[in-house]
Amino acid sequence: MEAIMALVVGALFGASVYMMLRRSIVKLVIGLILLSNAANLLIFTVSGLTRGAPPLIPEGMQMPDGAWADPLPQALILTAIVIGFGVLAFAVVLIHRAYEVVGEDDLDQMRSTDT
């Protein structure tokens, strides 16, 4: 399962870099979304995929007797999702305002209006 996830993470990173190198500012934001999703999947994959196991240790035990899932990567990724959504909302508003002012979504055309 980790090999498949590694291929998915690599494909998402590759697609995000490709999208961020485009001249359209909308494609830049799509690349940022893909990059944040790829980073989240990378953290999940590196932390180890444990399916069907609870992230809790029973009361009175020092270590679980069976399989268990580490809750720290889940908490980190939940925080990253919330922060990524905030950054995405800010970027969409910024792009909308830049498009209203400049009238273009091409980054080269936006650069020529800096006079």
PDB file of N, CA and C in Angstrom:
ATOM      1  N   MET A   1       0.811  -1.195   0.000  1.00  0.00           N
ATOM      2  CA  MET A   1       0.000   0.000   0.000  1.00  0.00           C
ATOM      3  C   MET A   1       0.859   1.265   0.000  1.00  0.00           C
ATOM      4  N   GLU A   2       1.992   1.215   0.711  1.00  0.00           N
ATOM      5  CA  GLU A   2       2.858   2.387   0.766  1.00  0.00           C
ATOM      6  C   GLU A   2       3.462   2.716  -0.592  1.00  0.00           C
ATOM      7  N   ALA A   3       3.711   1.681  -1.406  1.00  0.00           N
ATOM      8  CA  ALA A   3       4.271   1.936  -2.740  1.00  0.00           C
ATOM      9  C   ALA A   3       3.269   2.676  -3.616  1.00  0.00           C
ATOM     10  N   ILE A   4       2.010   2.300  -3.528  1.00  0.00           N
ATOM     11  CA  ILE A   4       0.980   2.984  -4.309  1.00  0.00           C
ATOM     12  C   ILE A   4       0.842   4.432  -3.833  1.00  0.00           C
ATOM     13  N   MET A   5       0.854   4.625  -2.520  1.00  0.00           N
ATOM     14  CA  MET A   5       0.748   5.981  -1.984  1.00  0.00           C
ATOM     15  C   MET A   5       1.959   6.824  -2.375  1.00  0.00           C
ATOM     16  N   ALA A   6       3.136   6.213  -2.419  1.00  0.00           N
ATOM     17  CA  ALA A   6       4.324   6.945  -2.841  1.00  0.00           C
ATOM     18  C   ALA A   6       4.197   7.396  -4.289  1.00  0.00           C
ATOM     19  N   LEU A   7       3.652   6.539  -5.143  1.00  0.00           N
ATOM     20  CA  LEU A   7       3.433   6.931  -6.543  1.00  0.00           C
ATOM     21  C   LEU A   7       2.396   8.049  -6.650  1.00  0.00           C
ATOM     22  N   VAL A   8       1.345   7.978  -5.856  1.00  0.00           N
ATOM     23  CA  VAL A   8       0.314   9.029  -5.870  1.00  0.00           C
ATOM     24  C   VAL A   8       0.898  10.354  -5.393  1.00  0.00           C
ATOM     25  N   VAL A   9       1.690  10.315  -4.331  1.00  0.00           N
ATOM     26  CA  VAL A   9       2.318  11.538  -3.812  1.00  0.00           C
ATOM     27  C   VAL A   9       3.271  12.114  -4.849  1.00  0.00           C
ATOM     28  N   GLY A  10       4.062  11.278  -5.485  1.00  0.00           N
ATOM     29  CA  GLY A  10       4.969  11.754  -6.525  1.00  0.00           C
ATOM     30  C   GLY A  10       4.229  12.370  -7.695  1.00  0.00           C
ATOM     31  N   ALA A  11       3.121  11.743  -8.105  1.00  0.00           N
ATOM     32  CA  ALA A  11       2.321  12.292  -9.205  1.00  0.00           C
ATOM     33  C   ALA A  11       1.706  13.634  -8.821  1.00  0.00           C
ATOM     34  N   LEU A  12       1.232  13.740  -7.584  1.00  0.00           N
ATOM     35  CA  LEU A  12       0.657  15.014  -7.143  1.00  0.00           C
ATOM     36  C   LEU A  12       1.717  16.113  -7.057  1.00  0.00           C
ATOM     37  N   PHE A  13       2.902  15.782  -6.558  1.00  0.00           N
ATOM     38  CA  PHE A  13       3.975  16.774  -6.515  1.00  0.00           C
ATOM     39  C   PHE A  13       4.367  17.207  -7.923  1.00  0.00           C
ATOM     40  N   GLY A  14       4.485  16.248  -8.842  1.00  0.00           N
ATOM     41  CA  GLY A  14       4.823  16.583 -10.219  1.00  0.00           C
ATOM     42  C   GLY A  14       3.770  17.453 -10.881  1.00  0.00           C
ATOM     43  N   ALA A  15       2.498  17.105 -10.684  1.00  0.00           N
ATOM     44  CA  ALA A  15       1.415  17.899 -11.260  1.00  0.00           C
ATOM     45  C   ALA A  15       1.371  19.293 -10.651  1.00  0.00           C
ATOM     46  N   SER A  16       1.642  19.389  -9.350  1.00  0.00           N
ATOM     47  CA  SER A  16       1.593  20.707  -8.718  1.00  0.00           C
ATOM     48  C   SER A  16       2.728  21.601  -9.215  1.00  0.00           C
ATOM     49  N   VAL A  17       3.915  21.054  -9.377  1.00  0.00           N
ATOM     50  CA  VAL A  17       5.029  21.854  -9.903  1.00  0.00           C
ATOM     51  C   VAL A  17       4.730  22.285 -11.338  1.00  0.00           C
ATOM     52  N   TYR A  18       4.179  21.384 -12.138  1.00  0.00           N
ATOM     53  CA  TYR A  18       3.822  21.726 -13.518  1.00  0.00           C
ATOM     54  C   TYR A  18       2.789  22.859 -13.537  1.00  0.00           C
ATOM     55  N   MET A  19       1.775  22.765 -12.680  1.00  0.00           N
ATOM     56  CA  MET A  19       0.735  23.796 -12.665  1.00  0.00           C
ATOM     57  C   MET A  19       1.278  25.134 -12.157  1.00  0.00           C
ATOM     58  N   MET A  20       2.199  25.099 -11.184  1.00  0.00           N
ATOM     59  CA  MET A  20       2.733  26.346 -10.660  1.00  0.00           C
ATOM     60  C   MET A  20       3.684  27.027 -11.634  1.00  0.00           C
ATOM     61  N   LEU A  21       4.224  26.302 -12.594  1.00  0.00           N
ATOM     62  CA  LEU A  21       5.114  26.902 -13.588  1.00  0.00           C
ATOM     63  C   LEU A  21       4.363  27.491 -14.778  1.00  0.00           C
ATOM     64  N   ARG A  22       3.056  27.350 -14.819  1.00  0.00           N
ATOM     65  CA  ARG A  22       2.245  27.921 -15.895  1.00  0.00           C
ATOM     66  C   ARG A  22       2.140  29.426 -15.702  1.00  0.00           C
ATOM     67  N   ARG A  23       1.721  30.137 -16.753  1.00  0.00           N
ATOM     68  CA  ARG A  23       1.645  31.592 -16.678  1.00  0.00           C
ATOM     69  C   ARG A  23       0.334  32.096 -16.095  1.00  0.00           C
ATOM     70  N   SER A  24      -0.670  31.267 -16.020  1.00  0.00           N
ATOM     71  CA  SER A  24      -1.964  31.691 -15.502  1.00  0.00           C
ATOM     72  C   SER A  24      -1.951  31.664 -13.979  1.00  0.00           C
ATOM     73  N   ILE A  25      -2.489  32.711 -13.391  1.00  0.00           N
ATOM     74  CA  ILE A  25      -2.505  32.784 -11.927  1.00  0.00           C
ATOM     75  C   ILE A  25      -3.510  31.800 -11.335  1.00  0.00           C
ATOM     76  N   VAL A  26      -4.555  31.454 -12.085  1.00  0.00           N
ATOM     77  CA  VAL A  26      -5.512  30.453 -11.612  1.00  0.00           C
ATOM     78  C   VAL A  26      -4.839  29.083 -11.543  1.00  0.00           C
ATOM     79  N   LYS A  27      -4.021  28.764 -12.531  1.00  0.00           N
ATOM     80  CA  LYS A  27      -3.290  27.491 -12.506  1.00  0.00           C
ATOM     81  C   LYS A  27      -2.259  27.470 -11.384  1.00  0.00           C
ATOM     82  N   LEU A  28      -1.738  28.631 -11.031  1.00  0.00           N
ATOM     83  CA  LEU A  28      -0.824  28.713  -9.895  1.00  0.00           C
ATOM     84  C   LEU A  28      -1.532  28.315  -8.603  1.00  0.00           C
ATOM     85  N   VAL A  29      -2.743  28.788  -8.410  1.00  0.00           N
ATOM     86  CA  VAL A  29      -3.493  28.443  -7.198  1.00  0.00           C
ATOM     87  C   VAL A  29      -3.875  26.965  -7.198  1.00  0.00           C
ATOM     88  N   ILE A  30      -4.247  26.428  -8.353  1.00  0.00           N
ATOM     89  CA  ILE A  30      -4.542  24.993  -8.440  1.00  0.00           C
ATOM     90  C   ILE A  30      -3.300  24.183  -8.090  1.00  0.00           C
ATOM     91  N   GLY A  31      -2.137  24.635  -8.537  1.00  0.00           N
ATOM     92  CA  GLY A  31      -0.885  23.973  -8.175  1.00  0.00           C
ATOM     93  C   GLY A  31      -0.613  24.028  -6.689  1.00  0.00           C
ATOM     94  N   LEU A  32      -0.937  25.148  -6.054  1.00  0.00           N
ATOM     95  CA  LEU A  32      -0.762  25.250  -4.599  1.00  0.00           C
ATOM     96  C   LEU A  32      -1.684  24.292  -3.855  1.00  0.00           C
ATOM     97  N   ILE A  33      -2.919  24.137  -4.360  1.00  0.00           N
ATOM     98  CA  ILE A  33      -3.849  23.189  -3.746  1.00  0.00           C
ATOM     99  C   ILE A  33      -3.306  21.765  -3.862  1.00  0.00           C
ATOM    100  N   LEU A  34      -2.825  21.418  -5.057  1.00  0.00           N
ATOM    101  CA  LEU A  34      -2.270  20.078  -5.254  1.00  0.00           C
ATOM    102  C   LEU A  34      -1.036  19.858  -4.386  1.00  0.00           C
ATOM    103  N   LEU A  35      -0.226  20.898  -4.231  1.00  0.00           N
ATOM    104  CA  LEU A  35       0.981  20.777  -3.413  1.00  0.00           C
ATOM    105  C   LEU A  35       0.634  20.530  -1.945  1.00  0.00           C
ATOM    106  N   SER A  36      -0.370  21.231  -1.431  1.00  0.00           N
ATOM    107  CA  SER A  36      -0.749  21.006  -0.034  1.00  0.00           C
ATOM    108  C   SER A  36      -1.337  19.613   0.160  1.00  0.00           C
ATOM    109  N   ASN A  37      -2.126  19.146  -0.802  1.00  0.00           N
ATOM    110  CA  ASN A  37      -2.673  17.789  -0.698  1.00  0.00           C
ATOM    111  C   ASN A  37      -1.565  16.740  -0.788  1.00  0.00           C
ATOM    112  N   ALA A  38      -0.582  16.974  -1.649  1.00  0.00           N
ATOM    113  CA  ALA A  38       0.535  16.035  -1.760  1.00  0.00           C
ATOM    114  C   ALA A  38       1.345  15.994  -0.470  1.00  0.00           C
ATOM    115  N   ALA A  39       1.553  17.148   0.154  1.00  0.00           N
ATOM    116  CA  ALA A  39       2.302  17.177   1.411  1.00  0.00           C
ATOM    117  C   ALA A  39       1.536  16.444   2.518  1.00  0.00           C
ATOM    118  N   ASN A  40       0.207  16.611   2.548  1.00  0.00           N
ATOM    119  CA  ASN A  40      -0.587  15.901   3.547  1.00  0.00           C
ATOM    120  C   ASN A  40      -0.519  14.388   3.344  1.00  0.00           C
ATOM    121  N   LEU A  41      -0.635  13.950   2.098  1.00  0.00           N
ATOM    122  CA  LEU A  41      -0.532  12.513   1.825  1.00  0.00           C
ATOM    123  C   LEU A  41       0.863  11.979   2.137  1.00  0.00           C
ATOM    124  N   LEU A  42       1.882  12.807   1.922  1.00  0.00           N
ATOM    125  CA  LEU A  42       3.243  12.393   2.242  1.00  0.00           C
ATOM    126  C   LEU A  42       3.397  12.157   3.745  1.00  0.00           C
ATOM    127  N   ILE A  43       2.832  13.031   4.551  1.00  0.00           N
ATOM    128  CA  ILE A  43       2.909  12.852   6.004  1.00  0.00           C
ATOM    129  C   ILE A  43       2.180  11.578   6.417  1.00  0.00           C
ATOM    130  N   PHE A  44       1.008  11.341   5.834  1.00  0.00           N
ATOM    131  CA  PHE A  44       0.274  10.108   6.149  1.00  0.00           C
ATOM    132  C   PHE A  44       1.078   8.875   5.756  1.00  0.00           C
ATOM    133  N   THR A  45       1.689   8.904   4.585  1.00  0.00           N
ATOM    134  CA  THR A  45       2.421   7.742   4.098  1.00  0.00           C
ATOM    135  C   THR A  45       3.667   7.476   4.944  1.00  0.00           C
ATOM    136  N   VAL A  46       4.393   8.530   5.287  1.00  0.00           N
ATOM    137  CA  VAL A  46       5.616   8.361   6.069  1.00  0.00           C
ATOM    138  C   VAL A  46       5.306   7.883   7.487  1.00  0.00           C
ATOM    139  N   SER A  47       4.171   8.323   8.036  1.00  0.00           N
ATOM    140  CA  SER A  47       3.839   7.931   9.403  1.00  0.00           C
ATOM    141  C   SER A  47       3.387   6.480   9.503  1.00  0.00           C
ATOM    142  N   GLY A  48       3.122   5.859   8.386  1.00  0.00           N
ATOM    143  CA  GLY A  48       2.706   4.458   8.401  1.00  0.00           C
ATOM    144  C   GLY A  48       1.195   4.350   8.354  1.00  0.00           C
ATOM    145  N   LEU A  49       0.711   3.561   7.437  1.00  0.00           N
ATOM    146  CA  LEU A  49      -0.723   3.401   7.264  1.00  0.00           C
ATOM    147  C   LEU A  49      -1.196   2.214   8.085  1.00  0.00           C
ATOM    148  N   THR A  50      -2.031   2.467   9.075  1.00  0.00           N
ATOM    149  CA  THR A  50      -2.606   1.422   9.902  1.00  0.00           C
ATOM    150  C   THR A  50      -4.111   1.497   9.743  1.00  0.00           C
ATOM    151  N   ARG A  51      -4.677   0.517   9.051  1.00  0.00           N
ATOM    152  CA  ARG A  51      -6.109   0.537   8.789  1.00  0.00           C
ATOM    153  C   ARG A  51      -6.866  -0.220   9.872  1.00  0.00           C
ATOM    154  N   GLY A  52      -7.974   0.364  10.307  1.00  0.00           N
ATOM    155  CA  GLY A  52      -8.864  -0.307  11.244  1.00  0.00           C
ATOM    156  C   GLY A  52      -8.366  -0.369  12.669  1.00  0.00           C
ATOM    157  N   ALA A  53      -7.311   0.337  13.000  1.00  0.00           N
ATOM    158  CA  ALA A  53      -6.787   0.313  14.372  1.00  0.00           C
ATOM    159  C   ALA A  53      -7.076   1.657  15.035  1.00  0.00           C
ATOM    160  N   PRO A  54      -7.482   1.639  16.290  1.00  0.00           N
ATOM    161  CA  PRO A  54      -7.784   2.904  16.967  1.00  0.00           C
ATOM    162  C   PRO A  54      -6.508   3.645  17.366  1.00  0.00           C
ATOM    163  N   PRO A  55      -6.588   4.975  17.455  1.00  0.00           N
ATOM    164  CA  PRO A  55      -5.416   5.736  17.900  1.00  0.00           C
ATOM    165  C   PRO A  55      -5.350   5.887  19.411  1.00  0.00           C
ATOM    166  N   LEU A  56      -5.995   4.994  20.149  1.00  0.00           N
ATOM    167  CA  LEU A  56      -6.065   5.103  21.602  1.00  0.00           C
ATOM    168  C   LEU A  56      -5.438   3.885  22.270  1.00  0.00           C
ATOM    169  N   ILE A  57      -4.906   4.098  23.452  1.00  0.00           N
ATOM    170  CA  ILE A  57      -4.384   3.014  24.277  1.00  0.00           C
ATOM    171  C   ILE A  57      -5.416   2.754  25.377  1.00  0.00           C
ATOM    172  N   PRO A  58      -5.788   1.506  25.598  1.00  0.00           N
ATOM    173  CA  PRO A  58      -6.793   1.227  26.642  1.00  0.00           C
ATOM    174  C   PRO A  58      -6.334   1.718  28.013  1.00  0.00           C
ATOM    175  N   GLU A  59      -7.288   2.048  28.856  1.00  0.00           N
ATOM    176  CA  GLU A  59      -6.990   2.589  30.178  1.00  0.00           C
ATOM    177  C   GLU A  59      -6.258   1.558  31.038  1.00  0.00           C
ATOM    178  N   GLY A  60      -5.225   2.019  31.693  1.00  0.00           N
ATOM    179  CA  GLY A  60      -4.462   1.158  32.586  1.00  0.00           C
ATOM    180  C   GLY A  60      -3.311   0.433  31.905  1.00  0.00           C
ATOM    181  N   MET A  61      -3.096   0.642  30.622  1.00  0.00           N
ATOM    182  CA  MET A  61      -2.005  -0.027  29.903  1.00  0.00           C
ATOM    183  C   MET A  61      -0.945   1.001  29.525  1.00  0.00           C
ATOM    184  N   GLN A  62       0.301   0.571  29.509  1.00  0.00           N
ATOM    185  CA  GLN A  62       1.398   1.436  29.073  1.00  0.00           C
ATOM    186  C   GLN A  62       1.525   1.426  27.554  1.00  0.00           C
ATOM    187  N   MET A  63       1.383   0.256  26.964  1.00  0.00           N
ATOM    188  CA  MET A  63       1.489   0.085  25.504  1.00  0.00           C
ATOM    189  C   MET A  63       0.295  -0.738  25.039  1.00  0.00           C
ATOM    190  N   PRO A  64      -0.189  -0.481  23.835  1.00  0.00           N
ATOM    191  CA  PRO A  64      -1.299  -1.294  23.328  1.00  0.00           C
ATOM    192  C   PRO A  64      -0.833  -2.708  23.012  1.00  0.00           C
ATOM    193  N   ASP A  65      -1.726  -3.672  23.165  1.00  0.00           N
ATOM    194  CA  ASP A  65      -1.350  -5.054  22.903  1.00  0.00           C
ATOM    195  C   ASP A  65      -1.482  -5.421  21.434  1.00  0.00           C
ATOM    196  N   GLY A  66      -2.220  -4.679  20.668  1.00  0.00           N
ATOM    197  CA  GLY A  66      -2.394  -4.974  19.242  1.00  0.00           C
ATOM    198  C   GLY A  66      -1.916  -3.811  18.387  1.00  0.00           C
ATOM    199  N   ALA A  67      -2.454  -3.750  17.188  1.00  0.00           N
ATOM    200  CA  ALA A  67      -2.101  -2.657  16.279  1.00  0.00           C
ATOM    201  C   ALA A  67      -2.779  -1.372  16.741  1.00  0.00           C
ATOM    202  N   TRP A  68      -2.094  -0.252  16.542  1.00  0.00           N
ATOM    203  CA  TRP A  68      -2.666   1.044  16.891  1.00  0.00           C
ATOM    204  C   TRP A  68      -2.169   2.079  15.896  1.00  0.00           C
ATOM    205  N   ALA A  69      -2.941   3.121  15.720  1.00  0.00           N
ATOM    206  CA  ALA A  69      -2.593   4.199  14.793  1.00  0.00           C
ATOM    207  C   ALA A  69      -2.052   5.381  15.588  1.00  0.00           C
ATOM    208  N   ASP A  70      -1.036   6.020  15.055  1.00  0.00           N
ATOM    209  CA  ASP A  70      -0.439   7.180  15.699  1.00  0.00           C
ATOM    210  C   ASP A  70      -1.329   8.404  15.457  1.00  0.00           C
ATOM    211  N   PRO A  71      -1.845   9.055  16.502  1.00  0.00           N
ATOM    212  CA  PRO A  71      -2.753  10.186  16.293  1.00  0.00           C
ATOM    213  C   PRO A  71      -2.050  11.496  15.940  1.00  0.00           C
ATOM    214  N   LEU A  72      -0.732  11.600  16.143  1.00  0.00           N
ATOM    215  CA  LEU A  72      -0.028  12.855  15.889  1.00  0.00           C
ATOM    216  C   LEU A  72      -0.065  13.266  14.415  1.00  0.00           C
ATOM    217  N   PRO A  73       0.241  12.371  13.462  1.00  0.00           N
ATOM    218  CA  PRO A  73       0.140  12.793  12.052  1.00  0.00           C
ATOM    219  C   PRO A  73      -1.276  13.207  11.657  1.00  0.00           C
ATOM    220  N   GLN A  74      -2.268  12.556  12.235  1.00  0.00           N
ATOM    221  CA  GLN A  74      -3.645  12.929  11.930  1.00  0.00           C
ATOM    222  C   GLN A  74      -3.942  14.338  12.420  1.00  0.00           C
ATOM    223  N   ALA A  75      -3.468  14.671  13.595  1.00  0.00           N
ATOM    224  CA  ALA A  75      -3.685  16.018  14.125  1.00  0.00           C
ATOM    225  C   ALA A  75      -2.920  17.061  13.319  1.00  0.00           C
ATOM    226  N   LEU A  76      -1.696  16.743  12.926  1.00  0.00           N
ATOM    227  CA  LEU A  76      -0.918  17.676  12.108  1.00  0.00           C
ATOM    228  C   LEU A  76      -1.582  17.930  10.762  1.00  0.00           C
ATOM    229  N   ILE A  77      -2.103  16.888  10.155  1.00  0.00           N
ATOM    230  CA  ILE A  77      -2.721  17.038   8.839  1.00  0.00           C
ATOM    231  C   ILE A  77      -4.049  17.777   8.949  1.00  0.00           C
ATOM    232  N   LEU A  78      -4.794  17.544  10.013  1.00  0.00           N
ATOM    233  CA  LEU A  78      -6.034  18.294  10.203  1.00  0.00           C
ATOM    234  C   LEU A  78      -5.741  19.788  10.331  1.00  0.00           C
ATOM    235  N   THR A  79      -4.696  20.126  11.074  1.00  0.00           N
ATOM    236  CA  THR A  79      -4.287  21.522  11.189  1.00  0.00           C
ATOM    237  C   THR A  79      -3.826  22.070   9.845  1.00  0.00           C
ATOM    238  N   ALA A  80      -3.084  21.275   9.081  1.00  0.00           N
ATOM    239  CA  ALA A  80      -2.610  21.716   7.770  1.00  0.00           C
ATOM    240  C   ALA A  80      -3.764  21.927   6.799  1.00  0.00           C
ATOM    241  N   ILE A  81      -4.804  21.117   6.888  1.00  0.00           N
ATOM    242  CA  ILE A  81      -5.968  21.286   6.021  1.00  0.00           C
ATOM    243  C   ILE A  81      -6.657  22.615   6.323  1.00  0.00           C
ATOM    244  N   VAL A  82      -6.818  22.942   7.589  1.00  0.00           N
ATOM    245  CA  VAL A  82      -7.476  24.197   7.966  1.00  0.00           C
ATOM    246  C   VAL A  82      -6.649  25.396   7.519  1.00  0.00           C
ATOM    247  N   ILE A  83      -5.343  25.351   7.746  1.00  0.00           N
ATOM    248  CA  ILE A  83      -4.476  26.448   7.324  1.00  0.00           C
ATOM    249  C   ILE A  83      -4.456  26.558   5.805  1.00  0.00           C
ATOM    250  N   GLY A  84      -4.402  25.429   5.114  1.00  0.00           N
ATOM    251  CA  GLY A  84      -4.425  25.440   3.649  1.00  0.00           C
ATOM    252  C   GLY A  84      -5.709  26.027   3.094  1.00  0.00           C
ATOM    253  N   PHE A  85      -6.842  25.741   3.748  1.00  0.00           N
ATOM    254  CA  PHE A  85      -8.099  26.327   3.305  1.00  0.00           C
ATOM    255  C   PHE A  85      -8.092  27.840   3.485  1.00  0.00           C
ATOM    256  N   GLY A  86      -7.533  28.319   4.577  1.00  0.00           N
ATOM    257  CA  GLY A  86      -7.438  29.765   4.794  1.00  0.00           C
ATOM    258  C   GLY A  86      -6.559  30.441   3.758  1.00  0.00           C
ATOM    259  N   VAL A  87      -5.424  29.830   3.443  1.00  0.00           N
ATOM    260  CA  VAL A  87      -4.531  30.369   2.419  1.00  0.00           C
ATOM    261  C   VAL A  87      -5.212  30.353   1.055  1.00  0.00           C
ATOM    262  N   LEU A  88      -5.944  29.284   0.765  1.00  0.00           N
ATOM    263  CA  LEU A  88      -6.665  29.195  -0.501  1.00  0.00           C
ATOM    264  C   LEU A  88      -7.727  30.286  -0.609  1.00  0.00           C
ATOM    265  N   ALA A  89      -8.483  30.519   0.452  1.00  0.00           N
ATOM    266  CA  ALA A  89      -9.498  31.566   0.428  1.00  0.00           C
ATOM    267  C   ALA A  89      -8.860  32.933   0.207  1.00  0.00           C
ATOM    268  N   PHE A  90      -7.744  33.197   0.880  1.00  0.00           N
ATOM    269  CA  PHE A  90      -7.039  34.463   0.685  1.00  0.00           C
ATOM    270  C   PHE A  90      -6.538  34.593  -0.752  1.00  0.00           C
ATOM    271  N   ALA A  91      -5.978  33.518  -1.300  1.00  0.00           N
ATOM    272  CA  ALA A  91      -5.457  33.566  -2.671  1.00  0.00           C
ATOM    273  C   ALA A  91      -6.566  33.797  -3.692  1.00  0.00           C
ATOM    274  N   VAL A  92      -7.719  33.193  -3.484  1.00  0.00           N
ATOM    275  CA  VAL A  92      -8.833  33.380  -4.423  1.00  0.00           C
ATOM    276  C   VAL A  92      -9.310  34.829  -4.398  1.00  0.00           C
ATOM    277  N   VAL A  93      -9.423  35.419  -3.211  1.00  0.00           N
ATOM    278  CA  VAL A  93      -9.839  36.820  -3.115  1.00  0.00           C
ATOM    279  C   VAL A  93      -8.784  37.726  -3.741  1.00  0.00           C
ATOM    280  N   LEU A  94      -7.513  37.438  -3.502  1.00  0.00           N
ATOM    281  CA  LEU A  94      -6.433  38.234  -4.084  1.00  0.00           C
ATOM    282  C   LEU A  94      -6.426  38.138  -5.609  1.00  0.00           C
ATOM    283  N   ILE A  95      -6.657  36.948  -6.139  1.00  0.00           N
ATOM    284  CA  ILE A  95      -6.700  36.770  -7.591  1.00  0.00           C
ATOM    285  C   ILE A  95      -7.894  37.503  -8.180  1.00  0.00           C
ATOM    286  N   HIS A  96      -9.030  37.417  -7.512  1.00  0.00           N
ATOM    287  CA  HIS A  96     -10.224  38.114  -7.998  1.00  0.00           C
ATOM    288  C   HIS A  96      -9.983  39.624  -8.065  1.00  0.00           C
ATOM    289  N   ARG A  97      -9.376  40.161  -7.030  1.00  0.00           N
ATOM    290  CA  ARG A  97      -9.095  41.599  -7.004  1.00  0.00           C
ATOM    291  C   ARG A  97      -8.062  41.981  -8.060  1.00  0.00           C
ATOM    292  N   ALA A  98      -7.035  41.176  -8.231  1.00  0.00           N
ATOM    293  CA  ALA A  98      -6.019  41.460  -9.250  1.00  0.00           C
ATOM    294  C   ALA A  98      -6.625  41.394 -10.648  1.00  0.00           C
ATOM    295  N   TYR A  99      -7.534  40.466 -10.866  1.00  0.00           N
ATOM    296  CA  TYR A  99      -8.183  40.365 -12.173  1.00  0.00           C
ATOM    297  C   TYR A  99      -9.081  41.571 -12.427  1.00  0.00           C
ATOM    298  N   GLU A 100      -9.759  42.073 -11.387  1.00  0.00           N
ATOM    299  CA  GLU A 100     -10.578  43.266 -11.557  1.00  0.00           C
ATOM    300  C   GLU A 100      -9.732  44.481 -11.916  1.00  0.00           C
ATOM    301  N   VAL A 101      -8.576  44.620 -11.293  1.00  0.00           N
ATOM    302  CA  VAL A 101      -7.719  45.790 -11.530  1.00  0.00           C
ATOM    303  C   VAL A 101      -7.020  45.698 -12.875  1.00  0.00           C
ATOM    304  N   VAL A 102      -6.410  44.544 -13.165  1.00  0.00           N
ATOM    305  CA  VAL A 102      -5.581  44.399 -14.359  1.00  0.00           C
ATOM    306  C   VAL A 102      -6.399  43.950 -15.564  1.00  0.00           C
ATOM    307  N   GLY A 103      -7.356  43.068 -15.348  1.00  0.00           N
ATOM    308  CA  GLY A 103      -8.148  42.553 -16.461  1.00  0.00           C
ATOM    309  C   GLY A 103      -7.502  41.375 -17.160  1.00  0.00           C
ATOM    310  N   GLU A 104      -6.460  40.814 -16.592  1.00  0.00           N
ATOM    311  CA  GLU A 104      -5.736  39.663 -17.160  1.00  0.00           C
ATOM    312  C   GLU A 104      -5.462  38.663 -16.055  1.00  0.00           C
ATOM    313  N   ASP A 105      -5.326  37.387 -16.442  1.00  0.00           N
ATOM    314  CA  ASP A 105      -4.861  36.420 -15.453  1.00  0.00           C
ATOM    315  C   ASP A 105      -3.497  35.865 -15.840  1.00  0.00           C
ATOM    316  N   ASP A 106      -2.913  36.416 -16.893  1.00  0.00           N
ATOM    317  CA  ASP A 106      -1.573  36.025 -17.331  1.00  0.00           C
ATOM    318  C   ASP A 106      -0.541  36.790 -16.493  1.00  0.00           C
ATOM    319  N   LEU A 107       0.372  36.062 -15.869  1.00  0.00           N
ATOM    320  CA  LEU A 107       1.344  36.700 -14.986  1.00  0.00           C
ATOM    321  C   LEU A 107       2.278  37.640 -15.735  1.00  0.00           C
ATOM    322  N   ASP A 108       2.617  37.343 -16.990  1.00  0.00           N
ATOM    323  CA  ASP A 108       3.466  38.241 -17.767  1.00  0.00           C
ATOM    324  C   ASP A 108       2.748  39.555 -18.069  1.00  0.00           C
ATOM    325  N   GLN A 109       1.470  39.500 -18.343  1.00  0.00           N
ATOM    326  CA  GLN A 109       0.696  40.718 -18.593  1.00  0.00           C
ATOM    327  C   GLN A 109       0.540  41.532 -17.313  1.00  0.00           C
ATOM    328  N   MET A 110       0.424  40.865 -16.181  1.00  0.00           N
ATOM    329  CA  MET A 110       0.321  41.589 -14.915  1.00  0.00           C
ATOM    330  C   MET A 110       1.624  42.318 -14.594  1.00  0.00           C
ATOM    331  N   ARG A 111       2.738  41.726 -14.950  1.00  0.00           N
ATOM    332  CA  ARG A 111       4.034  42.353 -14.682  1.00  0.00           C
ATOM    333  C   ARG A 111       4.204  43.631 -15.492  1.00  0.00           C
ATOM    334  N   SER A 112       3.637  43.676 -16.688  1.00  0.00           N
ATOM    335  CA  SER A 112       3.811  44.858 -17.543  1.00  0.00           C
ATOM    336  C   SER A 112       2.956  46.034 -17.068  1.00  0.00           C
ATOM    337  N   THR A 113       2.049  45.826 -16.126  1.00  0.00           N
ATOM    338  CA  THR A 113       1.212  46.911 -15.623  1.00  0.00           C
ATOM    339  C   THR A 113       1.773  47.538 -14.360  1.00  0.00           C
ATOM    340  N   ASP A 114       3.005  47.212 -13.994  1.00  0.00           N
ATOM    341  CA  ASP A 114       3.609  47.721 -12.757  1.00  0.00           C
ATOM    342  C   ASP A 114       4.166  49.128 -12.877  1.00  0.00           C
ATOM    343  N   THR A 115       3.933  49.816 -13.933  1.00  0.00           N
ATOM    344  CA  THR A 115       4.550  51.130 -14.167  1.00  0.00           C
ATOM    345  C   THR A 115       4.249  52.139 -13.163  1.00  0.00           C
TER     346      THR A 115
END
